[in-house]
């Protein structure tokens, strides 16, 4: 069995020779560091989903801050000035934004919300109907925010998977789980179990 060199606590890792630094074990990554975030969801979305989400973001009148952020992200990618990105047709801006696999948390979060509210309302309504939660066209009514139990989540997930594409259901469940973990957090593991990426 090879000997692992014990690091000298008084010597920084930069001062030790490379062959000694290579043997120092790194602490394991915590679960919190690997948990799902809006940016992770954006990165695992299909190209079609990202394009629809990008288009919805550019069309949303309440997303000015995230649109400005998207302009700068696209400008960096294209090596354009932000003014040049603003002058692009909306379809091209959406295509360029959708091609970015890595975006900020705030940009991804807003894009996911407007995507679901504009392009996926029937799925939102079907899920809430399956759970027996009062809503108006997929928007939860005020005061109706109790978390359903795991069995009801599972039944509603099965009903949704029978009606909608699995990738859309997975993205929706993960979005709910990161947006409101107290109410919908159980959907994250359920999505990973029923609809692996």
Protein backbone atom coordinates (compact mmCIF):
# COMPACT_ATOMS: atom_id res chain seq x y z
CA UNK A 1 0.00 0.00 0.00
CA UNK A 2 1.50 3.37 -1.01
CA UNK A 3 2.23 5.85 1.72
CA UNK A 4 0.35 9.12 1.61
CA UNK A 5 2.45 12.04 2.73
CA UNK A 6 0.89 13.93 5.63
CA UNK A 7 0.81 17.62 4.86
CA UNK A 8 2.86 19.81 7.14
CA UNK A 9 0.31 22.18 8.71
CA UNK A 10 2.81 25.04 8.77
CA UNK A 11 3.66 24.81 5.06
CA UNK A 12 1.24 26.01 2.38
CA UNK A 13 0.41 23.71 -0.51
CA UNK A 14 2.23 26.07 -2.89
CA UNK A 15 5.51 25.67 -0.95
CA UNK A 16 5.47 21.86 -1.10
CA UNK A 17 6.92 20.09 -4.14
CA UNK A 18 4.42 19.10 -6.85
CA UNK A 19 4.75 15.37 -6.13
CA UNK A 20 3.68 16.02 -2.51
CA UNK A 21 0.79 18.33 -3.45
CA UNK A 22 -0.60 15.66 -5.78
CA UNK A 23 -0.96 13.22 -2.90
CA UNK A 24 -2.97 15.49 -0.60
CA UNK A 25 -6.57 14.33 -0.49
CA UNK A 26 -9.23 16.93 -1.17
CA UNK A 27 -12.30 16.99 1.05
CA UNK A 28 -15.42 15.53 -0.58
CA UNK A 29 -17.79 17.92 -2.30
CA UNK A 30 -20.84 18.58 -0.16
CA UNK A 31 -24.38 17.83 -1.29
CA UNK A 32 -25.17 21.55 -1.12
CA UNK A 33 -22.47 22.26 -3.70
CA UNK A 34 -23.91 19.72 -6.14
CA UNK A 35 -27.60 20.52 -5.65
CA UNK A 36 -29.74 21.61 -8.57
CA UNK A 37 -29.98 25.35 -9.30
CA UNK A 38 -31.78 27.29 -12.03
CA UNK A 39 -28.50 27.55 -13.98
CA UNK A 40 -28.06 23.76 -13.79
CA UNK A 41 -31.62 23.26 -15.05
CA UNK A 42 -30.95 25.67 -17.93
CA UNK A 43 -27.82 23.71 -18.82
CA UNK A 44 -29.64 20.39 -18.97
CA UNK A 45 -32.63 21.67 -20.95
CA UNK A 46 -32.95 20.55 -24.56
CA UNK A 47 -31.97 23.02 -27.28
CA UNK A 48 -35.67 23.46 -28.15
CA UNK A 49 -36.58 24.19 -24.53
CA UNK A 50 -33.77 26.75 -24.18
CA UNK A 51 -34.83 28.42 -27.43
CA UNK A 52 -38.45 28.68 -26.23
CA UNK A 53 -37.29 29.97 -22.83
CA UNK A 54 -34.96 32.52 -24.45
CA UNK A 55 -37.75 33.74 -26.74
CA UNK A 56 -40.12 34.04 -23.78
CA UNK A 57 -37.53 36.01 -21.82
CA UNK A 58 -36.94 38.49 -24.67
CA UNK A 59 -40.73 38.95 -25.06
CA UNK A 60 -41.44 39.46 -21.35
CA UNK A 61 -42.06 43.08 -20.40
CA UNK A 62 -41.20 42.43 -16.74
CA UNK A 63 -37.73 40.99 -17.35
CA UNK A 64 -35.74 44.13 -18.22
CA UNK A 65 -32.92 43.39 -15.76
CA UNK A 66 -32.47 39.83 -17.03
CA UNK A 67 -32.75 41.00 -20.65
CA UNK A 68 -29.88 43.43 -20.01
CA UNK A 69 -27.91 40.60 -18.46
CA UNK A 70 -28.68 38.42 -21.49
CA UNK A 71 -27.51 41.18 -23.85
CA UNK A 72 -24.14 41.27 -22.09
CA UNK A 73 -23.83 37.47 -22.03
CA UNK A 74 -24.57 37.22 -25.75
CA UNK A 75 -22.24 40.16 -26.49
CA UNK A 76 -19.42 38.37 -24.65
CA UNK A 77 -20.07 35.17 -26.58
CA UNK A 78 -20.17 36.91 -29.97
CA UNK A 79 -17.52 39.48 -29.09
CA UNK A 80 -19.98 42.18 -30.03
CA UNK A 81 -20.76 45.45 -28.36
CA UNK A 82 -24.02 45.26 -26.34
CA UNK A 83 -25.62 47.84 -28.67
CA UNK A 84 -25.05 45.49 -31.60
CA UNK A 85 -26.80 42.65 -29.78
CA UNK A 86 -29.78 44.90 -29.00
CA UNK A 87 -30.13 45.68 -32.73
CA UNK A 88 -30.30 41.99 -33.67
CA UNK A 89 -33.74 40.61 -34.60
CA UNK A 90 -35.51 38.97 -31.64
CA UNK A 91 -35.19 35.50 -33.18
CA UNK A 92 -31.41 35.84 -33.48
CA UNK A 93 -31.08 37.15 -29.91
CA UNK A 94 -33.12 34.17 -28.72
CA UNK A 95 -31.00 31.73 -30.73
CA UNK A 96 -27.76 33.18 -29.37
CA UNK A 97 -29.03 33.16 -25.78
CA UNK A 98 -30.27 29.58 -26.17
CA UNK A 99 -26.83 28.52 -27.39
CA UNK A 100 -25.32 29.54 -24.05
CA UNK A 101 -25.19 26.45 -21.85
CA UNK A 102 -23.96 28.46 -18.87
CA UNK A 103 -25.88 31.51 -17.68
CA UNK A 104 -26.25 33.28 -14.34
CA UNK A 105 -28.67 32.08 -11.68
CA UNK A 106 -30.88 35.16 -11.97
CA UNK A 107 -31.07 34.92 -15.76
CA UNK A 108 -31.84 31.20 -15.68
CA UNK A 109 -34.40 31.62 -12.91
CA UNK A 110 -36.35 34.31 -14.73
CA UNK A 111 -36.14 32.50 -18.08
CA UNK A 112 -37.52 29.32 -16.48
CA UNK A 113 -40.43 31.18 -14.90
CA UNK A 114 -41.49 33.04 -18.05
CA UNK A 115 -40.98 29.91 -20.16
CA UNK A 116 -43.38 27.91 -18.03
CA UNK A 117 -45.91 30.74 -17.71
CA UNK A 118 -45.99 31.44 -21.45
CA UNK A 119 -45.28 28.13 -23.18
CA UNK A 120 -46.30 25.46 -20.66
CA UNK A 121 -49.55 26.70 -19.06
CA UNK A 122 -51.54 23.57 -20.00
CA UNK A 123 -48.96 21.40 -18.22
CA UNK A 124 -49.01 23.65 -15.14
CA UNK A 125 -52.82 23.48 -15.03
CA UNK A 126 -52.86 19.70 -15.52
CA UNK A 127 -50.39 19.18 -12.68
CA UNK A 128 -52.31 21.39 -10.26
CA UNK A 129 -55.58 19.67 -11.28
CA UNK A 130 -53.99 16.28 -10.60
CA UNK A 131 -52.94 17.50 -7.15
CA UNK A 132 -56.35 19.05 -6.45
CA UNK A 133 -54.84 22.51 -5.93
CA UNK A 134 -57.09 25.47 -6.87
CA UNK A 135 -55.60 27.61 -9.65
CA UNK A 136 -56.38 30.04 -12.43
CA UNK A 137 -54.95 28.77 -15.71
CA UNK A 138 -51.93 27.22 -14.01
CA UNK A 139 -51.35 29.98 -11.44
CA UNK A 140 -51.94 28.88 -7.86
CA UNK A 141 -54.74 30.75 -6.12
CA UNK A 142 -53.81 32.89 -3.12
CA UNK A 143 -53.55 30.97 0.14
CA UNK A 144 -53.44 27.50 -1.49
CA UNK A 145 -49.84 26.62 -0.72
CA UNK A 146 -49.82 23.49 1.42
CA UNK A 147 -47.30 20.92 0.24
CA UNK A 148 -48.96 17.75 -1.05
CA UNK A 149 -47.75 14.43 0.32
CA UNK A 150 -45.32 12.19 -1.56
CA UNK A 151 -48.04 9.78 -2.73
CA UNK A 152 -50.03 12.60 -4.35
CA UNK A 153 -46.88 13.93 -6.01
CA UNK A 154 -46.18 10.49 -7.45
CA UNK A 155 -49.74 10.08 -8.77
CA UNK A 156 -49.75 13.57 -10.30
CA UNK A 157 -46.34 12.93 -11.87
CA UNK A 158 -47.62 9.73 -13.49
CA UNK A 159 -50.65 11.61 -14.86
CA UNK A 160 -48.42 14.37 -16.24
CA UNK A 161 -46.00 11.92 -17.85
CA UNK A 162 -48.94 10.29 -19.66
CA UNK A 163 -49.85 13.66 -21.24
CA UNK A 164 -46.61 15.61 -21.76
CA UNK A 165 -43.03 14.95 -22.94
CA UNK A 166 -40.78 13.65 -20.14
CA UNK A 167 -38.16 16.37 -20.72
CA UNK A 168 -40.80 19.06 -20.19
CA UNK A 169 -42.10 17.39 -17.03
CA UNK A 170 -38.57 17.02 -15.65
CA UNK A 171 -37.75 20.67 -16.31
CA UNK A 172 -41.03 21.78 -14.70
CA UNK A 173 -40.53 19.65 -11.59
CA UNK A 174 -36.94 20.77 -11.13
CA UNK A 175 -37.96 24.40 -11.59
CA UNK A 176 -40.67 24.10 -8.95
CA UNK A 177 -38.23 22.38 -6.58
CA UNK A 178 -35.61 25.15 -6.81
CA UNK A 179 -38.09 28.04 -6.83
CA UNK A 180 -39.92 26.93 -3.66
CA UNK A 181 -38.11 24.06 -1.90
CA UNK A 182 -40.38 24.20 1.16
CA UNK A 183 -43.47 23.36 -0.89
CA UNK A 184 -42.12 21.56 -3.96
CA UNK A 185 -38.68 20.27 -2.87
CA UNK A 186 -39.79 16.63 -3.05
CA UNK A 187 -40.25 17.02 -6.81
CA UNK A 188 -36.49 17.27 -7.41
CA UNK A 189 -35.68 13.71 -6.29
CA UNK A 190 -38.92 12.47 -7.87
CA UNK A 191 -37.96 14.00 -11.22
CA UNK A 192 -34.51 12.41 -11.02
CA UNK A 193 -36.06 9.04 -10.15
CA UNK A 194 -38.85 8.98 -12.73
CA UNK A 195 -37.18 10.96 -15.52
CA UNK A 196 -33.39 10.61 -15.42
CA UNK A 197 -31.49 13.18 -17.48
